[in-house]
Amino acid sequence: VSGSRLRAQGKILAALRDCLQASPADLLYVFSSGDVDLPQLFALAGTRDVMALLHELTPHMDAMVKARTIDALRRQVDFVHLLHLQQAVVEMVCQTAGRELTTLKHLIDETGDFYNLHKLVFCDLAPALSEKVLHHIETEARAAQDLHRNRQEKSTVNGSGVSGTAAAALPRKILSDIDDTLYSSGGRFPAGVDRRFPRKQLYPGVLALYRELDSEQDPESAAASAQHAMEDELSTAS
């Protein structure tokens, strides 16, 4: 590492420490501000000392800041070889629980490219760290399921009219292709081969299917789903 790079790393570390000492909110602003190029910052100063500052900051982060920081760290060209960067990412995930973890997973998946949660867990992280993340996600999922069932059982006991099927229902995340699944590709290569409908034509009933799958199927959501399905069919027909 050149002397100029070491000096730059020292200045960045000192500035980040000053922010943290003033208030965690000051350093949170740095990591959440659109004026800060986080991937470039970590490319220049993704040192163990900076990761130690992240360790102190992590309990103060919300899902949005964590997702932005995780995305910047994992885009480093040598991320798969640098355990201190991976450990910082794993710590941010494992210190997130409940609905906040669900939000974080969604945000990681919504970068618009192939840097998704699957790639992070199964391709980018070292095996031991990958297992740690998977165990945390499984533990939180089981806790969420237990909480959901307990609430539904209490509703049934209190006479709210929730059926046994609804009591067992859980939210679902739908993963779907688009071309020749949501709408027709018109047979245009390489998107797809279906020439039965014009290109970009939504398949009849597909939005109703997605909405039904995405519904928790309590009476209110089922009724809303039916209403939306009717509206979708009318819109497609027109």
C-alpha atoms as a PDB file:
ATOM      1  CA  VAL A   1       0.000   0.000   0.000  1.00  0.00           C
ATOM      2  CA  SER A   2       1.449   3.348  -1.041  1.00  0.00           C
ATOM      3  CA  GLY A   3       2.170   6.105   1.439  1.00  0.00           C
ATOM      4  CA  SER A   4      -0.430   8.402  -0.124  1.00  0.00           C
ATOM      5  CA  ARG A   5      -3.097   5.712   0.200  1.00  0.00           C
ATOM      6  CA  LEU A   6      -2.182   5.110   3.841  1.00  0.00           C
ATOM      7  CA  ARG A   7      -2.430   8.828   4.542  1.00  0.00           C
ATOM      8  CA  ALA A   8      -5.846   8.967   2.854  1.00  0.00           C
ATOM      9  CA  GLN A   9      -7.026   5.977   4.879  1.00  0.00           C
ATOM     10  CA  GLY A  10      -5.834   7.670   8.070  1.00  0.00           C
ATOM     11  CA  LYS A  11      -7.718  10.862   7.243  1.00  0.00           C
ATOM     12  CA  ILE A  12     -10.921   8.972   6.453  1.00  0.00           C
ATOM     13  CA  LEU A  13     -10.663   6.923   9.646  1.00  0.00           C
ATOM     14  CA  ALA A  14     -10.070  10.074  11.719  1.00  0.00           C
ATOM     15  CA  ALA A  15     -13.058  11.826  10.137  1.00  0.00           C
ATOM     16  CA  LEU A  16     -15.336   8.843  10.729  1.00  0.00           C
ATOM     17  CA  ARG A  17     -14.165   8.560  14.339  1.00  0.00           C
ATOM     18  CA  ASP A  18     -14.871  12.254  14.912  1.00  0.00           C
ATOM     19  CA  CYS A  19     -18.397  11.758  13.588  1.00  0.00           C
ATOM     20  CA  LEU A  20     -19.020   8.763  15.827  1.00  0.00           C
ATOM     21  CA  GLN A  21     -17.622  10.509  18.901  1.00  0.00           C
ATOM     22  CA  ALA A  22     -19.847  13.510  18.272  1.00  0.00           C
ATOM     23  CA  SER A  23     -22.936  11.332  17.902  1.00  0.00           C
ATOM     24  CA  PRO A  24     -23.868   8.042  16.226  1.00  0.00           C
ATOM     25  CA  ALA A  25     -26.434  10.065  14.286  1.00  0.00           C
ATOM     26  CA  ASP A  26     -23.617  12.045  12.667  1.00  0.00           C
ATOM     27  CA  LEU A  27     -21.945   8.903  11.371  1.00  0.00           C
ATOM     28  CA  LEU A  28     -25.312   7.465  10.324  1.00  0.00           C
ATOM     29  CA  TYR A  29     -25.761  10.540   8.175  1.00  0.00           C
ATOM     30  CA  VAL A  30     -22.494   9.785   6.400  1.00  0.00           C
ATOM     31  CA  PHE A  31     -23.554   6.222   5.593  1.00  0.00           C
ATOM     32  CA  SER A  32     -27.059   7.206   4.519  1.00  0.00           C
ATOM     33  CA  SER A  33     -26.279  10.363   2.545  1.00  0.00           C
ATOM     34  CA  GLY A  34     -26.569  10.256  -1.216  1.00  0.00           C
ATOM     35  CA  ASP A  35     -23.606  12.647  -1.344  1.00  0.00           C
ATOM     36  CA  VAL A  36     -21.284   9.901  -0.088  1.00  0.00           C
ATOM     37  CA  ASP A  37     -20.108   7.253  -2.551  1.00  0.00           C
ATOM     38  CA  LEU A  38     -19.940   4.321  -0.136  1.00  0.00           C
ATOM     39  CA  PRO A  39     -18.498   1.784  -2.599  1.00  0.00           C
ATOM     40  CA  GLN A  40     -15.686   4.225  -3.373  1.00  0.00           C
ATOM     41  CA  LEU A  41     -15.163   4.970   0.324  1.00  0.00           C
ATOM     42  CA  PHE A  42     -14.764   1.280   1.142  1.00  0.00           C
ATOM     43  CA  ALA A  43     -12.571   0.733  -1.920  1.00  0.00           C
ATOM     44  CA  LEU A  44     -10.180   3.298  -0.515  1.00  0.00           C
ATOM     45  CA  ALA A  45     -10.589   2.702   3.206  1.00  0.00           C
ATOM     46  CA  GLY A  46     -12.303  -0.643   3.818  1.00  0.00           C
ATOM     47  CA  THR A  47      -9.824  -1.375   6.593  1.00  0.00           C
ATOM     48  CA  ARG A  48     -10.279  -3.370   9.775  1.00  0.00           C
ATOM     49  CA  ASP A  49     -10.308  -0.118  11.760  1.00  0.00           C
ATOM     50  CA  VAL A  50     -13.193   1.222   9.660  1.00  0.00           C
ATOM     51  CA  MET A  51     -15.025  -2.094  10.095  1.00  0.00           C
ATOM     52  CA  ALA A  52     -14.521  -1.705  13.851  1.00  0.00           C
ATOM     53  CA  LEU A  53     -16.344   1.638  13.617  1.00  0.00           C
ATOM     54  CA  LEU A  54     -19.128  -0.102  11.704  1.00  0.00           C
ATOM     55  CA  HIS A  55     -19.328  -2.616  14.550  1.00  0.00           C
ATOM     56  CA  GLU A  56     -20.037   0.235  16.976  1.00  0.00           C
ATOM     57  CA  LEU A  57     -22.520   1.841  14.605  1.00  0.00           C
ATOM     58  CA  THR A  58     -24.511  -1.271  13.654  1.00  0.00           C
ATOM     59  CA  PRO A  59     -26.884  -1.219  16.680  1.00  0.00           C
ATOM     60  CA  HIS A  60     -27.963   2.295  15.636  1.00  0.00           C
ATOM     61  CA  MET A  61     -28.651   1.421  11.990  1.00  0.00           C
ATOM     62  CA  ASP A  62     -32.094   0.887  10.506  1.00  0.00           C
ATOM     63  CA  ALA A  63     -32.761  -1.538   7.649  1.00  0.00           C
ATOM     64  CA  MET A  64     -32.245   1.103   4.966  1.00  0.00           C
ATOM     65  CA  VAL A  65     -28.784   2.135   6.182  1.00  0.00           C
ATOM     66  CA  LYS A  66     -27.775  -1.503   6.664  1.00  0.00           C
ATOM     67  CA  ALA A  67     -28.887  -2.403   3.151  1.00  0.00           C
ATOM     68  CA  ARG A  68     -26.974   0.519   1.647  1.00  0.00           C
ATOM     69  CA  THR A  69     -23.835  -0.354   3.606  1.00  0.00           C
ATOM     70  CA  ILE A  70     -24.075  -4.068   2.816  1.00  0.00           C
ATOM     71  CA  ASP A  71     -24.475  -3.290  -0.869  1.00  0.00           C
ATOM     72  CA  ALA A  72     -21.388  -1.057  -0.849  1.00  0.00           C
ATOM     73  CA  LEU A  73     -19.274  -3.631   0.978  1.00  0.00           C
ATOM     74  CA  ARG A  74     -20.208  -6.605  -1.180  1.00  0.00           C
ATOM     75  CA  ARG A  75     -19.433  -4.702  -4.390  1.00  0.00           C
ATOM     76  CA  GLN A  76     -15.765  -4.546  -3.486  1.00  0.00           C
ATOM     77  CA  VAL A  77     -13.805  -6.535  -6.060  1.00  0.00           C
ATOM     78  CA  ASP A  78     -12.083  -8.607  -3.370  1.00  0.00           C
ATOM     79  CA  PHE A  79     -15.072  -9.002  -1.049  1.00  0.00           C
ATOM     80  CA  VAL A  80     -15.074 -12.812  -1.342  1.00  0.00           C
ATOM     81  CA  HIS A  81     -11.479 -12.882  -0.072  1.00  0.00           C
ATOM     82  CA  LEU A  82     -11.708 -10.329   2.761  1.00  0.00           C
ATOM     83  CA  LEU A  83     -13.235 -11.842   5.886  1.00  0.00           C
ATOM     84  CA  HIS A  84     -13.332  -8.552   7.796  1.00  0.00           C
ATOM     85  CA  LEU A  85     -15.711  -7.118   5.169  1.00  0.00           C
ATOM     86  CA  GLN A  86     -17.812 -10.280   5.189  1.00  0.00           C
ATOM     87  CA  GLN A  87     -17.970 -10.300   8.974  1.00  0.00           C
ATOM     88  CA  ALA A  88     -19.250  -6.713   8.979  1.00  0.00           C
ATOM     89  CA  VAL A  89     -22.033  -7.700   6.571  1.00  0.00           C
ATOM     90  CA  VAL A  90     -22.967 -10.781   8.594  1.00  0.00           C
ATOM     91  CA  GLU A  91     -23.075  -8.768  11.801  1.00  0.00           C
ATOM     92  CA  MET A  92     -25.500  -6.273  10.249  1.00  0.00           C
ATOM     93  CA  VAL A  93     -27.790  -9.094   9.117  1.00  0.00           C
ATOM     94  CA  CYS A  94     -27.609 -11.030  12.377  1.00  0.00           C
ATOM     95  CA  GLN A  95     -28.331  -7.947  14.473  1.00  0.00           C
ATOM     96  CA  THR A  96     -31.608  -7.474  12.605  1.00  0.00           C
ATOM     97  CA  ALA A  97     -34.766  -9.265  13.698  1.00  0.00           C
ATOM     98  CA  GLY A  98     -38.494  -9.552  13.104  1.00  0.00           C
ATOM     99  CA  ARG A  99     -40.128  -7.390  10.460  1.00  0.00           C
ATOM    100  CA  GLU A 100     -36.966  -5.317  10.225  1.00  0.00           C
ATOM    101  CA  LEU A 101     -35.136  -8.425   8.967  1.00  0.00           C
ATOM    102  CA  THR A 102     -37.849  -9.020   6.383  1.00  0.00           C
ATOM    103  CA  THR A 103     -37.425  -5.420   5.217  1.00  0.00           C
ATOM    104  CA  LEU A 104     -33.647  -5.792   5.066  1.00  0.00           C
ATOM    105  CA  LYS A 105     -33.894  -8.967   2.978  1.00  0.00           C
ATOM    106  CA  HIS A 106     -36.273  -7.241   0.570  1.00  0.00           C
ATOM    107  CA  LEU A 107     -33.954  -4.235   0.242  1.00  0.00           C
ATOM    108  CA  ILE A 108     -30.955  -6.472  -0.474  1.00  0.00           C
ATOM    109  CA  ASP A 109     -33.008  -8.164  -3.193  1.00  0.00           C
ATOM    110  CA  GLU A 110     -34.121  -4.880  -4.774  1.00  0.00           C
ATOM    111  CA  THR A 111     -30.808  -3.501  -6.057  1.00  0.00           C
ATOM    112  CA  GLY A 112     -31.943  -4.014  -9.649  1.00  0.00           C
ATOM    113  CA  ASP A 113     -29.069  -6.300 -10.621  1.00  0.00           C
ATOM    114  CA  PHE A 114     -27.612  -9.689  -9.680  1.00  0.00           C
ATOM    115  CA  TYR A 115     -26.330  -8.508  -6.282  1.00  0.00           C
ATOM    116  CA  ASN A 116     -29.237 -10.166  -4.502  1.00  0.00           C
ATOM    117  CA  LEU A 117     -29.627 -12.050  -1.232  1.00  0.00           C
ATOM    118  CA  HIS A 118     -29.102 -15.455  -2.829  1.00  0.00           C
ATOM    119  CA  LYS A 119     -25.766 -14.405  -4.316  1.00  0.00           C
ATOM    120  CA  LEU A 120     -24.672 -12.890  -1.019  1.00  0.00           C
ATOM    121  CA  VAL A 121     -25.441 -15.968   1.066  1.00  0.00           C
ATOM    122  CA  PHE A 122     -24.521 -18.767  -1.311  1.00  0.00           C
ATOM    123  CA  CYS A 123     -21.744 -17.236  -3.446  1.00  0.00           C
ATOM    124  CA  ASP A 124     -20.056 -14.335  -1.676  1.00  0.00           C
ATOM    125  CA  LEU A 125     -19.760 -15.344   1.979  1.00  0.00           C
ATOM    126  CA  ALA A 126     -17.328 -17.870   3.428  1.00  0.00           C
ATOM    127  CA  PRO A 127     -19.089 -21.172   4.297  1.00  0.00           C
ATOM    128  CA  ALA A 128     -19.074 -20.614   8.061  1.00  0.00           C
ATOM    129  CA  LEU A 129     -20.464 -17.090   7.695  1.00  0.00           C
ATOM    130  CA  SER A 130     -23.053 -18.258   5.198  1.00  0.00           C
ATOM    131  CA  GLU A 131     -24.245 -20.873   7.687  1.00  0.00           C
ATOM    132  CA  LYS A 132     -24.459 -18.228  10.397  1.00  0.00           C
ATOM    133  CA  VAL A 133     -26.716 -16.043   8.252  1.00  0.00           C
ATOM    134  CA  LEU A 134     -28.899 -18.982   7.231  1.00  0.00           C
ATOM    135  CA  HIS A 135     -29.281 -20.065  10.862  1.00  0.00           C
ATOM    136  CA  HIS A 136     -30.283 -16.535  11.890  1.00  0.00           C
ATOM    137  CA  ILE A 137     -32.835 -16.252   9.075  1.00  0.00           C
ATOM    138  CA  GLU A 138     -34.299 -19.665   9.956  1.00  0.00           C
ATOM    139  CA  THR A 139     -34.492 -18.789  13.665  1.00  0.00           C
ATOM    140  CA  GLU A 140     -36.260 -15.509  12.956  1.00  0.00           C
ATOM    141  CA  ALA A 141     -38.622 -17.179  10.484  1.00  0.00           C
ATOM    142  CA  ARG A 142     -39.660 -19.759  13.075  1.00  0.00           C
ATOM    143  CA  ALA A 143     -40.184 -17.018  15.650  1.00  0.00           C
ATOM    144  CA  ALA A 144     -42.328 -15.046  13.196  1.00  0.00           C
ATOM    145  CA  GLN A 145     -44.402 -18.134  12.420  1.00  0.00           C
ATOM    146  CA  ASP A 146     -44.942 -18.865  16.108  1.00  0.00           C
ATOM    147  CA  LEU A 147     -45.935 -15.258  16.789  1.00  0.00           C
ATOM    148  CA  HIS A 148     -48.347 -15.243  13.866  1.00  0.00           C
ATOM    149  CA  ARG A 149     -49.994 -18.481  14.932  1.00  0.00           C
ATOM    150  CA  ASN A 150     -50.302 -17.338  18.542  1.00  0.00           C
ATOM    151  CA  ARG A 151     -52.013 -14.127  17.467  1.00  0.00           C
ATOM    152  CA  GLN A 152     -54.414 -15.997  15.206  1.00  0.00           C
ATOM    153  CA  GLU A 153     -55.220 -18.513  17.941  1.00  0.00           C
ATOM    154  CA  LYS A 154     -55.982 -15.677  20.361  1.00  0.00           C
ATOM    155  CA  SER A 155     -58.262 -14.117  17.748  1.00  0.00           C
ATOM    156  CA  THR A 156     -60.125 -17.412  17.393  1.00  0.00           C
ATOM    157  CA  VAL A 157     -60.471 -17.820  21.162  1.00  0.00           C
ATOM    158  CA  ASN A 158     -61.786 -14.270  21.459  1.00  0.00           C
ATOM    159  CA  GLY A 159     -64.500 -15.073  18.946  1.00  0.00           C
ATOM    160  CA  SER A 160     -63.283 -12.916  16.088  1.00  0.00           C
ATOM    161  CA  GLY A 161     -64.399 -15.500  13.548  1.00  0.00           C
ATOM    162  CA  VAL A 162     -60.980 -16.276  12.113  1.00  0.00           C
ATOM    163  CA  SER A 163     -61.062 -19.735  10.587  1.00  0.00           C
ATOM    164  CA  GLY A 164     -58.543 -22.468  11.273  1.00  0.00           C
ATOM    165  CA  THR A 165     -57.197 -22.101   7.728  1.00  0.00           C
ATOM    166  CA  ALA A 166     -56.647 -18.378   8.179  1.00  0.00           C
ATOM    167  CA  ALA A 167     -55.054 -18.979  11.546  1.00  0.00           C
ATOM    168  CA  ALA A 168     -52.391 -21.111   9.904  1.00  0.00           C
ATOM    169  CA  ALA A 169     -51.854 -18.725   6.977  1.00  0.00           C
ATOM    170  CA  LEU A 170     -48.561 -16.869   6.736  1.00  0.00           C
ATOM    171  CA  PRO A 171     -47.327 -14.090   4.464  1.00  0.00           C
ATOM    172  CA  ARG A 172     -45.622 -15.268   1.291  1.00  0.00           C
ATOM    173  CA  LYS A 173     -42.995 -13.731  -0.949  1.00  0.00           C
ATOM    174  CA  ILE A 174     -43.642 -14.398  -4.626  1.00  0.00           C
ATOM    175  CA  LEU A 175     -40.653 -14.805  -6.943  1.00  0.00           C
ATOM    176  CA  SER A 176     -41.628 -14.772 -10.580  1.00  0.00           C
ATOM    177  CA  ASP A 177     -40.185 -14.470 -14.055  1.00  0.00           C
ATOM    178  CA  ILE A 178     -41.636 -11.708 -16.239  1.00  0.00           C
ATOM    179  CA  ASP A 179     -41.492 -12.597 -19.954  1.00  0.00           C
ATOM    180  CA  ASP A 180     -43.930 -15.386 -20.873  1.00  0.00           C
ATOM    181  CA  THR A 181     -44.992 -15.502 -17.209  1.00  0.00           C
ATOM    182  CA  LEU A 182     -46.405 -12.102 -16.247  1.00  0.00           C
ATOM    183  CA  TYR A 183     -46.833 -10.913 -19.822  1.00  0.00           C
ATOM    184  CA  SER A 184     -46.153 -12.274 -23.278  1.00  0.00           C
ATOM    185  CA  SER A 185     -42.801 -11.785 -24.963  1.00  0.00           C
ATOM    186  CA  GLY A 186     -44.523 -11.831 -28.330  1.00  0.00           C
ATOM    187  CA  GLY A 187     -42.041 -14.501 -29.302  1.00  0.00           C
ATOM    188  CA  ARG A 188     -39.199 -12.002 -29.365  1.00  0.00           C
ATOM    189  CA  PHE A 189     -35.813 -13.620 -28.694  1.00  0.00           C
ATOM    190  CA  PRO A 190     -34.212 -13.876 -26.155  1.00  0.00           C
ATOM    191  CA  ALA A 191     -37.109 -12.833 -23.907  1.00  0.00           C
ATOM    192  CA  GLY A 192     -39.368 -15.754 -24.786  1.00  0.00           C
ATOM    193  CA  VAL A 193     -41.226 -17.802 -27.387  1.00  0.00           C
ATOM    194  CA  ASP A 194     -44.952 -17.174 -26.808  1.00  0.00           C
ATOM    195  CA  ARG A 195     -46.557 -15.623 -29.923  1.00  0.00           C
ATOM    196  CA  ARG A 196     -50.155 -16.121 -28.787  1.00  0.00           C
ATOM    197  CA  PHE A 197     -50.422 -12.596 -27.371  1.00  0.00           C
ATOM    198  CA  PRO A 198     -48.940  -9.248 -28.389  1.00  0.00           C
ATOM    199  CA  ARG A 199     -45.639  -8.294 -26.786  1.00  0.00           C
ATOM    200  CA  LYS A 200     -46.051  -6.937 -23.212  1.00  0.00           C
ATOM    201  CA  GLN A 201     -49.693  -8.143 -23.073  1.00  0.00           C
ATOM    202  CA  LEU A 202     -50.543  -9.218 -19.525  1.00  0.00           C
ATOM    203  CA  TYR A 203     -51.805 -12.772 -19.354  1.00  0.00           C
ATOM    204  CA  PRO A 204     -55.504 -12.953 -18.408  1.00  0.00           C
ATOM    205  CA  GLY A 205     -55.878 -13.628 -14.696  1.00  0.00           C
ATOM    206  CA  VAL A 206     -52.175 -13.448 -13.868  1.00  0.00           C
ATOM    207  CA  LEU A 207     -52.474 -10.408 -11.584  1.00  0.00           C
ATOM    208  CA  ALA A 208     -55.329 -12.064  -9.736  1.00  0.00           C
ATOM    209  CA  LEU A 209     -53.164 -15.177  -9.314  1.00  0.00           C
ATOM    210  CA  TYR A 210     -50.254 -13.175  -7.891  1.00  0.00           C
ATOM    211  CA  ARG A 211     -52.574 -11.243  -5.613  1.00  0.00           C
ATOM    212  CA  GLU A 212     -54.159 -14.461  -4.360  1.00  0.00           C
ATOM    213  CA  LEU A 213     -50.767 -16.022  -3.665  1.00  0.00           C
ATOM    214  CA  ASP A 214     -49.601 -12.874  -1.915  1.00  0.00           C
ATOM    215  CA  SER A 215     -52.669 -12.662   0.311  1.00  0.00           C
ATOM    216  CA  GLU A 216     -52.702 -13.927   3.892  1.00  0.00           C
ATOM    217  CA  GLN A 217     -56.279 -14.985   3.224  1.00  0.00           C
ATOM    218  CA  ASP A 218     -58.017 -13.487   6.198  1.00  0.00           C
ATOM    219  CA  PRO A 219     -61.609 -12.545   5.317  1.00  0.00           C
ATOM    220  CA  GLU A 220     -60.786  -8.887   4.595  1.00  0.00           C
ATOM    221  CA  SER A 221     -57.796  -9.597   2.372  1.00  0.00           C
ATOM    222  CA  ALA A 222     -59.686 -12.347   0.533  1.00  0.00           C
ATOM    223  CA  ALA A 223     -62.520  -9.928  -0.239  1.00  0.00           C
ATOM    224  CA  ALA A 224     -60.059  -7.273  -1.369  1.00  0.00           C
ATOM    225  CA  SER A 225     -58.295  -9.844  -3.531  1.00  0.00           C
ATOM    226  CA  ALA A 226     -61.556 -10.767  -5.250  1.00  0.00           C
ATOM    227  CA  GLN A 227     -62.340  -7.110  -5.909  1.00  0.00           C
ATOM    228  CA  HIS A 228     -58.892  -6.430  -7.343  1.00  0.00           C
ATOM    229  CA  ALA A 229     -59.115  -9.561  -9.484  1.00  0.00           C
ATOM    230  CA  MET A 230     -62.351  -8.297 -11.038  1.00  0.00           C
ATOM    231  CA  GLU A 231     -60.755  -4.908 -11.709  1.00  0.00           C
ATOM    232  CA  ASP A 232     -57.682  -6.570 -13.248  1.00  0.00           C
ATOM    233  CA  GLU A 233     -59.828  -8.695 -15.566  1.00  0.00           C
ATOM    234  CA  LEU A 234     -61.805  -5.649 -16.706  1.00  0.00           C
ATOM    235  CA  SER A 235     -58.582  -3.730 -17.286  1.00  0.00           C
ATOM    236  CA  THR A 236     -57.051  -6.600 -19.294  1.00  0.00           C
ATOM    237  CA  ALA A 237     -60.211  -7.019 -21.359  1.00  0.00           C
ATOM    238  CA  SER A 238     -60.250  -3.340 -22.245  1.00  0.00           C
END
